[in-house]
Amino acid sequence: MSYFVPHHQGRMFSGHRLRDVEQPCPLADGEEEAVERVSHSEAQQLWLIKDCCGMVCAFITWSLVFFADFVVIFVMLLPSRSFWYAVINGVAFNSLAILALASHLRTMLTDPGAVPKGNATKEYMESLQLKPGAVIYKCPKCCSIKPERAHHCSICKRCIRKMDHHCPWVNNCVGEKNQRFFVLFTMYIAVISGHALALCGYQFITCVQVQWNECSDFSPPVTMMLMIFLCMEGLLFLTFTAVMFSTQLHSICNDETVIERMKNEKPTWERQTRWAGLRSVFGGPPSLLWMSPFAGLKLPNFFPKRTWRGGVEFSV
């Protein structure tokens, strides 16, 4: 939904246009301040989408990573006769798994770029100091002024800036503020999937050359079932995340989201260069911090500030 800003705001508004603006989500007197307080409180809270399907998918993701770690450590590495082989591969696999799960958490618990709810008020529009004749788009579902390249998500029930898509596996939208963590998540899952497949191949060759009872602490049928399941999981996740990783990099380098590419939208914005797009998503010049999901981590404020009798303020 859109409307024009006339030359003299407030005096040249036609009745029809005023109804188009205010009727879908009318705000009573004084509610504008309440909207601002809600938006401020949302910024202070932890972002989490309460979607049953998304929470189940996120739980499955973590469970599969823990299963892969269990098979790698207890079925293939601990029974190994080579100490350094077990130590090096164990440290590498667990480090990558921690990075993958941390990236998953940052993607799931980071605000993807939600537009404040109910900010489509006449006072807020006047504060924007728009040029006469400018067109403003408003979402009738969340009563928000939609910035350019923002889209409404029916699951998050919010308009998301530069929304790429909604991913149930991370129980969140992938947007302007968390795309970096989603790219890291897909990359680390693809790497540990390939690592697990390589370990399974080496373990299978080792068990064929010696007795199966000597290459694992589990019985041969259990060992074979666990390795087969891990290989199937590794192949599935490697294919899926590698495709998603390459798709995300392609979108970032072309400055185009998946939604914009699927809708075949003509760009009304000035596209960034490849390096400018990468820097805008990952932040700053190329460095090792691009690979870390812990960079820029700030603990959310779970508890309000309290003033004790001594007059000293404590905050968490």
C-alpha atoms as a PDB file:
ATOM      1  CA  MET A   1       0.000   0.000   0.000  1.00  0.00           C
ATOM      2  CA  SER A   2       1.303   3.453  -0.821  1.00  0.00           C
ATOM      3  CA  TYR A   3       0.291   7.084  -0.712  1.00  0.00           C
ATOM      4  CA  PHE A   4       1.700  10.416  -1.882  1.00  0.00           C
ATOM      5  CA  VAL A   5       2.994  13.207   0.312  1.00  0.00           C
ATOM      6  CA  PRO A   6       1.402  16.450  -0.949  1.00  0.00           C
ATOM      7  CA  HIS A   7       2.978  19.896  -0.968  1.00  0.00           C
ATOM      8  CA  HIS A   8       1.225  21.030   2.203  1.00  0.00           C
ATOM      9  CA  GLN A   9       0.990  18.129   4.596  1.00  0.00           C
ATOM     10  CA  GLY A  10      -2.059  18.000   6.795  1.00  0.00           C
ATOM     11  CA  ARG A  11      -3.980  20.639   4.774  1.00  0.00           C
ATOM     12  CA  MET A  12      -4.145  19.074   1.317  1.00  0.00           C
ATOM     13  CA  PHE A  13      -4.751  15.474   2.441  1.00  0.00           C
ATOM     14  CA  SER A  14      -7.901  14.249   0.749  1.00  0.00           C
ATOM     15  CA  GLY A  15     -10.357  12.280   2.861  1.00  0.00           C
ATOM     16  CA  HIS A  16      -9.861   9.197   0.721  1.00  0.00           C
ATOM     17  CA  ARG A  17      -6.103   9.236   1.106  1.00  0.00           C
ATOM     18  CA  LEU A  18      -6.396   9.800   4.833  1.00  0.00           C
ATOM     19  CA  ARG A  19      -8.578   6.713   5.150  1.00  0.00           C
ATOM     20  CA  ASP A  20      -6.136   4.702   3.082  1.00  0.00           C
ATOM     21  CA  VAL A  21      -3.401   5.631   5.542  1.00  0.00           C
ATOM     22  CA  GLU A  22      -5.131   5.316   8.873  1.00  0.00           C
ATOM     23  CA  GLN A  23      -8.073   2.959   8.464  1.00  0.00           C
ATOM     24  CA  PRO A  24      -6.191  -0.400   8.317  1.00  0.00           C
ATOM     25  CA  CYS A  25      -4.420   0.322  11.620  1.00  0.00           C
ATOM     26  CA  PRO A  26      -5.904   3.325  13.451  1.00  0.00           C
ATOM     27  CA  LEU A  27      -3.950   4.705  16.381  1.00  0.00           C
ATOM     28  CA  ALA A  28      -5.692   6.505  19.201  1.00  0.00           C
ATOM     29  CA  ASP A  29      -4.382   9.669  20.826  1.00  0.00           C
ATOM     30  CA  GLY A  30      -1.183   8.984  22.723  1.00  0.00           C
ATOM     31  CA  GLU A  31      -0.588   5.580  21.102  1.00  0.00           C
ATOM     32  CA  GLU A  32       2.267   6.959  19.011  1.00  0.00           C
ATOM     33  CA  GLU A  33       4.339   7.272  22.171  1.00  0.00           C
ATOM     34  CA  ALA A  34       3.352   3.746  23.158  1.00  0.00           C
ATOM     35  CA  VAL A  35       4.549   2.486  19.764  1.00  0.00           C
ATOM     36  CA  GLU A  36       7.917   4.156  20.313  1.00  0.00           C
ATOM     37  CA  ARG A  37       8.203   2.602  23.785  1.00  0.00           C
ATOM     38  CA  VAL A  38       7.372  -0.857  22.408  1.00  0.00           C
ATOM     39  CA  SER A  39       9.959  -0.483  19.640  1.00  0.00           C
ATOM     40  CA  HIS A  40      12.567   0.570  22.189  1.00  0.00           C
ATOM     41  CA  SER A  41      11.722  -2.356  24.478  1.00  0.00           C
ATOM     42  CA  GLU A  42      11.942  -4.769  21.522  1.00  0.00           C
ATOM     43  CA  ALA A  43      15.472  -3.561  20.852  1.00  0.00           C
ATOM     44  CA  GLN A  44      16.393  -4.417  24.444  1.00  0.00           C
ATOM     45  CA  GLN A  45      14.937  -7.935  24.347  1.00  0.00           C
ATOM     46  CA  LEU A  46      16.283 -11.165  22.953  1.00  0.00           C
ATOM     47  CA  TRP A  47      14.994 -11.868  19.441  1.00  0.00           C
ATOM     48  CA  LEU A  48      13.286 -15.259  19.166  1.00  0.00           C
ATOM     49  CA  ILE A  49      10.513 -16.317  16.802  1.00  0.00           C
ATOM     50  CA  LYS A  50       7.873 -18.419  18.572  1.00  0.00           C
ATOM     51  CA  ASP A  51       7.175 -20.779  15.693  1.00  0.00           C
ATOM     52  CA  CYS A  52       6.674 -24.479  16.504  1.00  0.00           C
ATOM     53  CA  CYS A  53       7.931 -25.715  13.131  1.00  0.00           C
ATOM     54  CA  GLY A  54      11.022 -23.518  13.315  1.00  0.00           C
ATOM     55  CA  MET A  55      11.836 -24.595  16.876  1.00  0.00           C
ATOM     56  CA  VAL A  56      11.501 -28.278  15.911  1.00  0.00           C
ATOM     57  CA  CYS A  57      13.768 -27.769  12.879  1.00  0.00           C
ATOM     58  CA  ALA A  58      16.344 -25.941  15.020  1.00  0.00           C
ATOM     59  CA  PHE A  59      16.251 -28.792  17.575  1.00  0.00           C
ATOM     60  CA  ILE A  60      16.731 -31.356  14.793  1.00  0.00           C
ATOM     61  CA  THR A  61      19.706 -29.390  13.469  1.00  0.00           C
ATOM     62  CA  TRP A  62      21.428 -29.393  16.849  1.00  0.00           C
ATOM     63  CA  SER A  63      20.591 -33.070  17.409  1.00  0.00           C
ATOM     64  CA  LEU A  64      22.142 -34.087  14.086  1.00  0.00           C
ATOM     65  CA  VAL A  65      25.316 -32.125  14.833  1.00  0.00           C
ATOM     66  CA  PHE A  66      25.610 -33.797  18.247  1.00  0.00           C
ATOM     67  CA  PHE A  67      24.983 -37.212  16.652  1.00  0.00           C
ATOM     68  CA  ALA A  68      27.754 -36.603  14.120  1.00  0.00           C
ATOM     69  CA  ASP A  69      30.097 -35.533  16.903  1.00  0.00           C
ATOM     70  CA  PHE A  70      29.246 -38.678  18.898  1.00  0.00           C
ATOM     71  CA  VAL A  71      29.970 -41.009  15.969  1.00  0.00           C
ATOM     72  CA  VAL A  72      33.190 -39.217  15.041  1.00  0.00           C
ATOM     73  CA  ILE A  73      34.567 -39.194  18.588  1.00  0.00           C
ATOM     74  CA  PHE A  74      33.386 -42.496  20.084  1.00  0.00           C
ATOM     75  CA  VAL A  75      33.143 -44.716  17.006  1.00  0.00           C
ATOM     76  CA  MET A  76      36.067 -43.551  14.868  1.00  0.00           C
ATOM     77  CA  LEU A  77      38.623 -41.483  16.814  1.00  0.00           C
ATOM     78  CA  LEU A  78      38.846 -42.895  20.345  1.00  0.00           C
ATOM     79  CA  PRO A  79      39.383 -46.524  19.161  1.00  0.00           C
ATOM     80  CA  SER A  80      42.073 -45.345  16.727  1.00  0.00           C
ATOM     81  CA  ARG A  81      45.585 -46.642  17.259  1.00  0.00           C
ATOM     82  CA  SER A  82      47.116 -43.334  16.192  1.00  0.00           C
ATOM     83  CA  PHE A  83      47.086 -40.832  19.046  1.00  0.00           C
ATOM     84  CA  TRP A  84      47.845 -37.751  16.964  1.00  0.00           C
ATOM     85  CA  TYR A  85      45.330 -38.745  14.287  1.00  0.00           C
ATOM     86  CA  ALA A  86      42.628 -38.866  16.948  1.00  0.00           C
ATOM     87  CA  VAL A  87      43.703 -35.625  18.652  1.00  0.00           C
ATOM     88  CA  ILE A  88      44.089 -33.521  15.489  1.00  0.00           C
ATOM     89  CA  ASN A  89      40.833 -34.673  13.916  1.00  0.00           C
ATOM     90  CA  GLY A  90      38.962 -34.470  17.221  1.00  0.00           C
ATOM     91  CA  VAL A  91      40.055 -30.897  17.892  1.00  0.00           C
ATOM     92  CA  ALA A  92      39.375 -29.825  14.289  1.00  0.00           C
ATOM     93  CA  PHE A  93      35.925 -31.424  14.123  1.00  0.00           C
ATOM     94  CA  ASN A  94      34.771 -30.119  17.494  1.00  0.00           C
ATOM     95  CA  SER A  95      36.102 -26.616  16.788  1.00  0.00           C
ATOM     96  CA  LEU A  96      34.201 -26.482  13.505  1.00  0.00           C
ATOM     97  CA  ALA A  97      31.075 -27.865  15.189  1.00  0.00           C
ATOM     98  CA  ILE A  98      31.243 -25.145  17.858  1.00  0.00           C
ATOM     99  CA  LEU A  99      31.620 -22.466  15.191  1.00  0.00           C
ATOM    100  CA  ALA A 100      28.680 -23.931  13.251  1.00  0.00           C
ATOM    101  CA  LEU A 101      26.391 -24.033  16.297  1.00  0.00           C
ATOM    102  CA  ALA A 102      27.470 -20.544  17.382  1.00  0.00           C
ATOM    103  CA  SER A 103      26.655 -19.259  13.889  1.00  0.00           C
ATOM    104  CA  HIS A 104      23.282 -20.994  14.101  1.00  0.00           C
ATOM    105  CA  LEU A 105      22.547 -19.324  17.440  1.00  0.00           C
ATOM    106  CA  ARG A 106      23.579 -15.885  16.174  1.00  0.00           C
ATOM    107  CA  THR A 107      21.366 -16.336  13.099  1.00  0.00           C
ATOM    108  CA  MET A 108      18.399 -17.478  15.183  1.00  0.00           C
ATOM    109  CA  LEU A 109      18.688 -14.926  18.005  1.00  0.00           C
ATOM    110  CA  THR A 110      19.677 -11.847  15.976  1.00  0.00           C
ATOM    111  CA  ASP A 111      17.105  -9.339  14.791  1.00  0.00           C
ATOM    112  CA  PRO A 112      17.250  -9.772  11.000  1.00  0.00           C
ATOM    113  CA  GLY A 113      16.342  -6.121  10.435  1.00  0.00           C
ATOM    114  CA  ALA A 114      12.709  -5.842  11.513  1.00  0.00           C
ATOM    115  CA  VAL A 115      10.949  -2.556  10.829  1.00  0.00           C
ATOM    116  CA  PRO A 116       9.315  -1.110  14.008  1.00  0.00           C
ATOM    117  CA  LYS A 117       5.647  -2.009  14.246  1.00  0.00           C
ATOM    118  CA  GLY A 118       3.012   0.671  13.849  1.00  0.00           C
ATOM    119  CA  ASN A 119       5.332   3.498  12.802  1.00  0.00           C
ATOM    120  CA  ALA A 120       3.043   4.531   9.920  1.00  0.00           C
ATOM    121  CA  THR A 121       1.690   7.568  11.776  1.00  0.00           C
ATOM    122  CA  LYS A 122       1.178  11.062  10.409  1.00  0.00           C
ATOM    123  CA  GLU A 123       3.548  12.527  13.010  1.00  0.00           C
ATOM    124  CA  TYR A 124       6.312  10.093  12.050  1.00  0.00           C
ATOM    125  CA  MET A 125       5.815  10.806   8.341  1.00  0.00           C
ATOM    126  CA  GLU A 126       6.078  14.529   8.939  1.00  0.00           C
ATOM    127  CA  SER A 127       9.286  13.977  10.885  1.00  0.00           C
ATOM    128  CA  LEU A 128      10.817  12.282   7.828  1.00  0.00           C
ATOM    129  CA  GLN A 129      10.735  15.632   5.964  1.00  0.00           C
ATOM    130  CA  LEU A 130      10.026  13.949   2.650  1.00  0.00           C
ATOM    131  CA  LYS A 131      10.037  15.804  -0.620  1.00  0.00           C
ATOM    132  CA  PRO A 132       6.654  16.806  -2.108  1.00  0.00           C
ATOM    133  CA  GLY A 133       5.266  14.075  -4.341  1.00  0.00           C
ATOM    134  CA  ALA A 134       7.328  11.315  -2.718  1.00  0.00           C
ATOM    135  CA  VAL A 135       5.716   7.883  -2.533  1.00  0.00           C
ATOM    136  CA  ILE A 136       5.672   6.023   0.788  1.00  0.00           C
ATOM    137  CA  TYR A 137       4.840   2.343   1.018  1.00  0.00           C
ATOM    138  CA  LYS A 138       3.028   1.044   4.061  1.00  0.00           C
ATOM    139  CA  CYS A 139       2.479  -2.577   5.048  1.00  0.00           C
ATOM    140  CA  PRO A 140      -1.196  -3.103   5.984  1.00  0.00           C
ATOM    141  CA  LYS A 141      -0.315  -6.240   7.977  1.00  0.00           C
ATOM    142  CA  CYS A 142       2.095  -4.771  10.531  1.00  0.00           C
ATOM    143  CA  CYS A 143       1.218  -1.075  10.029  1.00  0.00           C
ATOM    144  CA  SER A 144       4.823  -0.156   9.255  1.00  0.00           C
ATOM    145  CA  ILE A 145       6.367   2.128   6.708  1.00  0.00           C
ATOM    146  CA  LYS A 146       8.251  -0.222   4.390  1.00  0.00           C
ATOM    147  CA  PRO A 147      11.756   0.888   3.446  1.00  0.00           C
ATOM    148  CA  GLU A 148      13.079   0.055   0.023  1.00  0.00           C
ATOM    149  CA  ARG A 149      13.813  -3.682  -0.455  1.00  0.00           C
ATOM    150  CA  ALA A 150      11.858  -4.630   2.695  1.00  0.00           C
ATOM    151  CA  HIS A 151       9.354  -7.500   2.610  1.00  0.00           C
ATOM    152  CA  HIS A 152       6.746  -8.752   5.054  1.00  0.00           C
ATOM    153  CA  CYS A 153       7.277 -12.217   6.553  1.00  0.00           C
ATOM    154  CA  SER A 154       4.067 -14.037   7.437  1.00  0.00           C
ATOM    155  CA  ILE A 155       5.886 -16.211  10.006  1.00  0.00           C
ATOM    156  CA  CYS A 156       7.823 -13.462  11.790  1.00  0.00           C
ATOM    157  CA  LYS A 157       4.812 -11.138  11.300  1.00  0.00           C
ATOM    158  CA  ARG A 158       7.176  -8.251  10.611  1.00  0.00           C
ATOM    159  CA  CYS A 159       8.598  -6.385   7.661  1.00  0.00           C
ATOM    160  CA  ILE A 160      12.283  -7.298   7.300  1.00  0.00           C
ATOM    161  CA  ARG A 161      14.849  -5.006   5.700  1.00  0.00           C
ATOM    162  CA  LYS A 162      16.603  -6.604   2.731  1.00  0.00           C
ATOM    163  CA  MET A 163      14.831  -9.888   3.451  1.00  0.00           C
ATOM    164  CA  ASP A 164      16.421 -12.817   1.617  1.00  0.00           C
ATOM    165  CA  HIS A 165      14.142 -15.649   2.789  1.00  0.00           C
ATOM    166  CA  HIS A 166      12.705 -17.263   5.914  1.00  0.00           C
ATOM    167  CA  CYS A 167      14.666 -20.370   6.915  1.00  0.00           C
ATOM    168  CA  PRO A 168      12.906 -22.806   9.285  1.00  0.00           C
ATOM    169  CA  TRP A 169      16.215 -24.517  10.102  1.00  0.00           C
ATOM    170  CA  VAL A 170      17.362 -21.363  11.895  1.00  0.00           C
ATOM    171  CA  ASN A 171      13.818 -20.373  12.951  1.00  0.00           C
ATOM    172  CA  ASN A 172      14.294 -16.857  11.625  1.00  0.00           C
ATOM    173  CA  CYS A 173      14.372 -14.686   8.552  1.00  0.00           C
ATOM    174  CA  VAL A 174      17.668 -14.070   6.810  1.00  0.00           C
ATOM    175  CA  GLY A 175      17.918 -10.332   6.395  1.00  0.00           C
ATOM    176  CA  GLU A 176      20.085  -7.268   6.623  1.00  0.00           C
ATOM    177  CA  LYS A 177      21.486  -7.863  10.123  1.00  0.00           C
ATOM    178  CA  ASN A 178      21.974 -11.656  10.317  1.00  0.00           C
ATOM    179  CA  GLN A 179      22.872 -12.714   6.774  1.00  0.00           C
ATOM    180  CA  ARG A 180      26.534 -12.903   7.744  1.00  0.00           C
ATOM    181  CA  PHE A 181      25.844 -15.498  10.455  1.00  0.00           C
ATOM    182  CA  PHE A 182      23.686 -17.557   8.098  1.00  0.00           C
ATOM    183  CA  VAL A 183      26.499 -17.625   5.542  1.00  0.00           C
ATOM    184  CA  LEU A 184      28.935 -18.768   8.241  1.00  0.00           C
ATOM    185  CA  PHE A 185      26.464 -21.422   9.428  1.00  0.00           C
ATOM    186  CA  THR A 186      26.094 -22.939   5.963  1.00  0.00           C
ATOM    187  CA  MET A 187      29.843 -22.802   5.403  1.00  0.00           C
ATOM    188  CA  TYR A 188      30.798 -24.537   8.671  1.00  0.00           C
ATOM    189  CA  ILE A 189      28.088 -27.199   8.293  1.00  0.00           C
ATOM    190  CA  ALA A 190      29.357 -27.951   4.787  1.00  0.00           C
ATOM    191  CA  VAL A 191      32.951 -28.208   6.063  1.00  0.00           C
ATOM    192  CA  ILE A 192      32.157 -30.551   8.984  1.00  0.00           C
ATOM    193  CA  SER A 193      29.953 -32.662   6.682  1.00  0.00           C
ATOM    194  CA  GLY A 194      32.859 -33.107   4.298  1.00  0.00           C
ATOM    195  CA  HIS A 195      35.178 -33.824   7.233  1.00  0.00           C
ATOM    196  CA  ALA A 196      32.790 -36.479   8.568  1.00  0.00           C
ATOM    197  CA  LEU A 197      32.562 -38.131   5.140  1.00  0.00           C
ATOM    198  CA  ALA A 198      36.362 -38.238   4.847  1.00  0.00           C
ATOM    199  CA  LEU A 199      36.652 -39.816   8.308  1.00  0.00           C
ATOM    200  CA  CYS A 200      33.977 -42.386   7.445  1.00  0.00           C
ATOM    201  CA  GLY A 201      35.838 -43.343   4.271  1.00  0.00           C
ATOM    202  CA  TYR A 202      39.135 -43.747   6.117  1.00  0.00           C
ATOM    203  CA  GLN A 203      37.437 -45.703   8.919  1.00  0.00           C
ATOM    204  CA  PHE A 204      35.781 -48.068   6.457  1.00  0.00           C
ATOM    205  CA  ILE A 205      39.087 -48.792   4.698  1.00  0.00           C
ATOM    206  CA  THR A 206      40.777 -49.377   8.071  1.00  0.00           C
ATOM    207  CA  CYS A 207      38.052 -51.768   9.255  1.00  0.00           C
ATOM    208  CA  VAL A 208      38.217 -53.752   6.005  1.00  0.00           C
ATOM    209  CA  GLN A 209      41.971 -54.243   6.367  1.00  0.00           C
ATOM    210  CA  VAL A 210      41.715 -55.475   9.982  1.00  0.00           C
ATOM    211  CA  GLN A 211      39.078 -57.230  12.056  1.00  0.00           C
ATOM    212  CA  TRP A 212      35.936 -55.143  12.651  1.00  0.00           C
ATOM    213  CA  ASN A 213      36.142 -55.899  16.369  1.00  0.00           C
ATOM    214  CA  GLU A 214      39.556 -54.204  16.494  1.00  0.00           C
ATOM    215  CA  CYS A 215      38.622 -50.944  14.752  1.00  0.00           C
ATOM    216  CA  SER A 216      35.708 -49.974  16.999  1.00  0.00           C
ATOM    217  CA  ASP A 217      34.498 -50.446  20.560  1.00  0.00           C
ATOM    218  CA  PHE A 218      31.002 -51.163  19.247  1.00  0.00           C
ATOM    219  CA  SER A 219      29.845 -54.365  17.602  1.00  0.00           C
ATOM    220  CA  PRO A 220      30.311 -54.584  13.812  1.00  0.00           C
ATOM    221  CA  PRO A 221      26.562 -54.231  13.013  1.00  0.00           C
ATOM    222  CA  VAL A 222      26.190 -51.176  15.272  1.00  0.00           C
ATOM    223  CA  THR A 223      29.371 -49.625  13.888  1.00  0.00           C
ATOM    224  CA  MET A 224      28.207 -50.159  10.313  1.00  0.00           C
ATOM    225  CA  MET A 225      24.736 -48.702  11.005  1.00  0.00           C
ATOM    226  CA  LEU A 226      26.155 -45.611  12.702  1.00  0.00           C
ATOM    227  CA  MET A 227      28.645 -45.001   9.900  1.00  0.00           C
ATOM    228  CA  ILE A 228      26.021 -45.477   7.182  1.00  0.00           C
ATOM    229  CA  PHE A 229      23.662 -43.055   8.892  1.00  0.00           C
ATOM    230  CA  LEU A 230      26.474 -40.530   9.323  1.00  0.00           C
ATOM    231  CA  CYS A 231      27.401 -40.853   5.643  1.00  0.00           C
ATOM    232  CA  MET A 232      23.795 -40.244   4.608  1.00  0.00           C
ATOM    233  CA  GLU A 233      23.571 -37.239   6.920  1.00  0.00           C
ATOM    234  CA  GLY A 234      26.898 -35.893   5.679  1.00  0.00           C
ATOM    235  CA  LEU A 235      25.950 -36.214   2.012  1.00  0.00           C
ATOM    236  CA  LEU A 236      22.565 -34.575   2.559  1.00  0.00           C
ATOM    237  CA  PHE A 237      23.885 -31.674   4.626  1.00  0.00           C
ATOM    238  CA  LEU A 238      26.943 -31.169   2.429  1.00  0.00           C
ATOM    239  CA  THR A 239      24.805 -30.871  -0.697  1.00  0.00           C
ATOM    240  CA  PHE A 240      22.179 -28.630   0.911  1.00  0.00           C
ATOM    241  CA  THR A 241      24.512 -26.249   2.731  1.00  0.00           C
ATOM    242  CA  ALA A 242      27.009 -26.025  -0.145  1.00  0.00           C
ATOM    243  CA  VAL A 243      24.203 -24.953  -2.469  1.00  0.00           C
ATOM    244  CA  MET A 244      22.890 -22.448   0.095  1.00  0.00           C
ATOM    245  CA  PHE A 245      26.393 -21.081   0.733  1.00  0.00           C
ATOM    246  CA  SER A 246      27.071 -20.534  -2.966  1.00  0.00           C
ATOM    247  CA  THR A 247      23.604 -19.004  -3.439  1.00  0.00           C
ATOM    248  CA  GLN A 248      24.162 -16.579  -0.588  1.00  0.00           C
ATOM    249  CA  LEU A 249      27.570 -15.516  -1.901  1.00  0.00           C
ATOM    250  CA  HIS A 250      26.078 -15.029  -5.359  1.00  0.00           C
ATOM    251  CA  SER A 251      23.300 -12.859  -3.895  1.00  0.00           C
ATOM    252  CA  ILE A 252      25.748 -10.769  -1.864  1.00  0.00           C
ATOM    253  CA  CYS A 253      28.135 -10.219  -4.779  1.00  0.00           C
ATOM    254  CA  ASN A 254      25.243  -9.252  -7.090  1.00  0.00           C
ATOM    255  CA  ASP A 255      23.508  -7.171  -4.398  1.00  0.00           C
ATOM    256  CA  GLU A 256      20.270  -9.052  -4.967  1.00  0.00           C
ATOM    257  CA  THR A 257      18.193 -11.115  -2.530  1.00  0.00           C
ATOM    258  CA  VAL A 258      16.545 -14.436  -3.329  1.00  0.00           C
ATOM    259  CA  ILE A 259      13.080 -12.845  -3.141  1.00  0.00           C
ATOM    260  CA  GLU A 260      14.091 -10.101  -5.583  1.00  0.00           C
ATOM    261  CA  ARG A 261      15.560 -12.676  -7.971  1.00  0.00           C
ATOM    262  CA  MET A 262      12.467 -14.926  -7.790  1.00  0.00           C
ATOM    263  CA  LYS A 263      10.117 -11.976  -8.357  1.00  0.00           C
ATOM    264  CA  ASN A 264      12.396 -10.748 -11.152  1.00  0.00           C
ATOM    265  CA  GLU A 265      12.275  -7.255  -9.687  1.00  0.00           C
ATOM    266  CA  LYS A 266      14.094  -4.556 -11.583  1.00  0.00           C
ATOM    267  CA  PRO A 267      16.611  -2.870  -9.264  1.00  0.00           C
ATOM    268  CA  THR A 268      15.572   0.659  -8.318  1.00  0.00           C
ATOM    269  CA  TRP A 269      18.669   1.021  -6.156  1.00  0.00           C
ATOM    270  CA  GLU A 270      22.295   1.510  -7.123  1.00  0.00           C
ATOM    271  CA  ARG A 271      23.924  -1.886  -6.911  1.00  0.00           C
ATOM    272  CA  GLN A 272      27.121  -2.206  -4.922  1.00  0.00           C
ATOM    273  CA  THR A 273      30.290  -3.748  -6.243  1.00  0.00           C
ATOM    274  CA  ARG A 274      31.220  -7.260  -5.131  1.00  0.00           C
ATOM    275  CA  TRP A 275      33.733  -6.164  -2.506  1.00  0.00           C
ATOM    276  CA  ALA A 276      31.432  -3.420  -1.258  1.00  0.00           C
ATOM    277  CA  GLY A 277      28.636  -5.961  -0.893  1.00  0.00           C
ATOM    278  CA  LEU A 278      30.875  -8.365   1.022  1.00  0.00           C
ATOM    279  CA  ARG A 279      32.099  -5.588   3.308  1.00  0.00           C
ATOM    280  CA  SER A 280      28.548  -4.407   4.005  1.00  0.00           C
ATOM    281  CA  VAL A 281      27.503  -7.940   5.063  1.00  0.00           C
ATOM    282  CA  PHE A 282      30.628  -9.072   6.921  1.00  0.00           C
ATOM    283  CA  GLY A 283      31.720  -5.629   8.127  1.00  0.00           C
ATOM    284  CA  GLY A 284      35.022  -3.831   7.581  1.00  0.00           C
ATOM    285  CA  PRO A 285      37.956  -4.870   5.397  1.00  0.00           C
ATOM    286  CA  PRO A 286      38.757  -8.583   4.875  1.00  0.00           C
ATOM    287  CA  SER A 287      40.103 -10.200   8.052  1.00  0.00           C
ATOM    288  CA  LEU A 288      39.806 -13.327  10.163  1.00  0.00           C
ATOM    289  CA  LEU A 289      36.917 -11.673  12.008  1.00  0.00           C
ATOM    290  CA  TRP A 290      34.799 -12.383   8.934  1.00  0.00           C
ATOM    291  CA  MET A 291      35.020 -16.082   9.847  1.00  0.00           C
ATOM    292  CA  SER A 292      34.092 -15.650  13.507  1.00  0.00           C
ATOM    293  CA  PRO A 293      30.445 -15.767  14.661  1.00  0.00           C
ATOM    294  CA  PHE A 294      31.580 -14.280  17.990  1.00  0.00           C
ATOM    295  CA  ALA A 295      32.740 -10.963  16.504  1.00  0.00           C
ATOM    296  CA  GLY A 296      30.654  -8.075  17.788  1.00  0.00           C
ATOM    297  CA  LEU A 297      28.800 -10.265  20.279  1.00  0.00           C
ATOM    298  CA  LYS A 298      26.953  -8.282  22.949  1.00  0.00           C
ATOM    299  CA  LEU A 299      25.004  -9.927  25.735  1.00  0.00           C
ATOM    300  CA  PRO A 300      21.359  -8.822  25.790  1.00  0.00           C
ATOM    301  CA  ASN A 301      19.980  -6.961  28.777  1.00  0.00           C
ATOM    302  CA  PHE A 302      17.757  -9.576  30.425  1.00  0.00           C
ATOM    303  CA  PHE A 303      17.153  -7.610  33.623  1.00  0.00           C
ATOM    304  CA  PRO A 304      16.369  -3.922  34.078  1.00  0.00           C
ATOM    305  CA  LYS A 305      18.664  -1.695  36.048  1.00  0.00           C
ATOM    306  CA  ARG A 306      18.036  -1.681  39.780  1.00  0.00           C
ATOM    307  CA  THR A 307      18.960   0.981  42.265  1.00  0.00           C
ATOM    308  CA  TRP A 308      19.960  -0.432  45.639  1.00  0.00           C
ATOM    309  CA  ARG A 309      19.752   1.294  48.975  1.00  0.00           C
ATOM    310  CA  GLY A 310      23.367   2.336  48.765  1.00  0.00           C
ATOM    311  CA  GLY A 311      22.561   4.263  45.602  1.00  0.00           C
ATOM    312  CA  VAL A 312      24.756   2.164  43.295  1.00  0.00           C
ATOM    313  CA  GLU A 313      23.234   0.895  40.057  1.00  0.00           C
ATOM    314  CA  PHE A 314      23.884  -2.670  38.960  1.00  0.00           C
ATOM    315  CA  SER A 315      23.000  -3.974  35.515  1.00  0.00           C
ATOM    316  CA  VAL A 316      23.464  -7.298  33.769  1.00  0.00           C
END
